[in-house]
Protein backbone atom coordinates (compact mmCIF):
# COMPACT_ATOMS: atom_id res chain seq x y z
CA MET A 1 -6.63 -11.31 -10.15
CA HIS A 2 -6.55 -10.23 -6.59
CA THR A 3 -7.37 -7.16 -4.36
CA VAL A 4 -4.49 -5.51 -2.54
CA VAL A 5 -5.19 -3.79 0.86
CA ALA A 6 -2.69 -1.03 1.81
CA LYS A 7 -2.53 -0.64 5.57
CA VAL A 8 -0.55 2.18 7.31
CA ILE A 9 1.77 0.36 9.76
CA SER A 10 4.06 3.30 10.65
CA GLN A 11 3.78 7.11 10.41
CA LYS A 12 6.41 9.59 11.61
CA GLY A 13 6.21 13.38 11.64
CA THR A 14 3.24 14.99 10.08
CA CYS A 15 1.59 13.45 7.10
CA GLU A 16 0.04 16.23 4.98
CA ALA A 17 -2.70 13.79 3.77
CA GLY A 18 -3.50 12.92 7.44
CA HIS A 19 -2.74 9.19 7.14
CA ARG A 20 -2.47 7.42 10.45
CA VAL A 21 -1.44 3.99 11.67
CA GLY A 22 -4.31 1.55 11.12
CA ASP A 23 -5.82 3.30 8.00
CA GLU A 24 -6.64 0.85 5.22
CA PHE A 25 -7.10 1.51 1.55
CA VAL A 26 -8.38 -1.10 -0.99
CA ILE A 27 -6.47 -1.10 -4.35
CA GLY A 28 -8.60 -2.86 -6.94
CA GLN A 29 -9.89 -1.66 -10.22
CA SER A 30 -10.00 2.04 -9.09
CA THR A 31 -7.88 4.60 -7.16
CA PRO A 32 -8.48 4.41 -3.39
CA ASN A 33 -10.75 7.17 -2.07
CA CYS A 34 -8.82 9.75 0.14
CA MET A 35 -5.36 8.25 -0.33
CA CYS A 36 -2.47 10.65 -0.87
CA SER A 37 -1.69 10.72 -4.60
CA TRP A 38 2.05 10.69 -3.98
CA ALA A 39 1.71 7.58 -1.80
CA PHE A 40 -0.58 5.95 -4.42
CA TYR A 41 1.91 6.58 -7.23
CA THR A 42 4.63 4.98 -5.13
CA LEU A 43 2.52 1.95 -4.05
CA PHE A 44 0.97 1.26 -7.44
CA PRO A 45 3.79 -0.66 -9.05
CA PHE A 46 4.12 -2.91 -6.04
CA ALA A 47 0.27 -3.39 -5.79
CA GLU A 48 0.13 -4.35 -9.47
CA VAL A 49 2.65 -7.16 -8.91
CA LEU A 50 0.63 -8.60 -5.94
CA GLN A 51 -2.65 -8.18 -7.84
CA PHE A 52 -1.47 -10.46 -10.60
CA GLY A 53 0.06 -13.10 -8.30
CA GLY A 54 3.68 -11.90 -8.21
CA SER A 55 5.84 -11.54 -5.18
CA PHE A 56 9.10 -9.93 -3.95
CA PRO A 57 12.11 -12.09 -3.09
CA TRP A 58 13.05 -9.83 -0.17
CA GLU A 59 9.69 -10.22 1.57
CA LYS A 60 9.13 -13.02 4.10
CA ASP A 61 5.56 -13.42 3.06
CA PRO A 62 5.00 -13.73 -0.76
CA SER A 63 1.59 -12.05 -0.47
CA THR A 64 2.88 -8.82 1.24
CA ALA A 65 5.14 -5.94 0.48
CA LEU A 66 6.28 -3.00 2.80
CA VAL A 67 6.43 0.24 0.87
CA ALA A 68 7.15 3.81 2.25
CA CYS A 69 5.70 7.06 0.77
CA PRO A 70 8.37 9.27 -0.85
CA ASP A 71 8.36 12.08 1.91
CA PRO A 72 11.63 11.43 3.77
CA ASP A 73 10.87 13.95 6.50
CA ASN A 74 7.41 12.44 7.37
CA PRO A 75 7.49 8.83 6.21
CA VAL A 76 4.29 6.79 6.14
CA VAL A 77 4.93 3.08 5.68
CA PHE A 78 2.27 0.82 4.15
CA GLU A 79 1.93 -2.92 4.25
CA LEU A 80 0.37 -4.24 1.01
CA SER A 81 -1.27 -7.49 1.32
CA ARG A 82 -2.85 -9.57 -1.47
CA ARG A 83 -6.51 -10.77 -0.92
CA GLU A 84 -8.76 -12.85 -3.04
CA LEU A 85 -11.08 -10.89 -5.24
CA LYS A 86 -14.65 -11.31 -4.15
CA TYR A 87 -17.48 -10.75 -6.61
């Protein structure tokens, strides 16, 4: 199993959760602290695929995925990247 890091790579408008470009959240065995719950619910299925070694055929890098939050007026785009789990 892997850890997934969600990094904000784009943010337009006003994010009600205050997310900004460069923010990073670790998605492992628990919910990331201070991450917008709407963004987390959207990212979670993609993060699960990456955590368990899967990939998405439309992504150039099999260890990443680009996912946007569901707010169409103030989109925040996250890059999910698979990392080796360190004990």
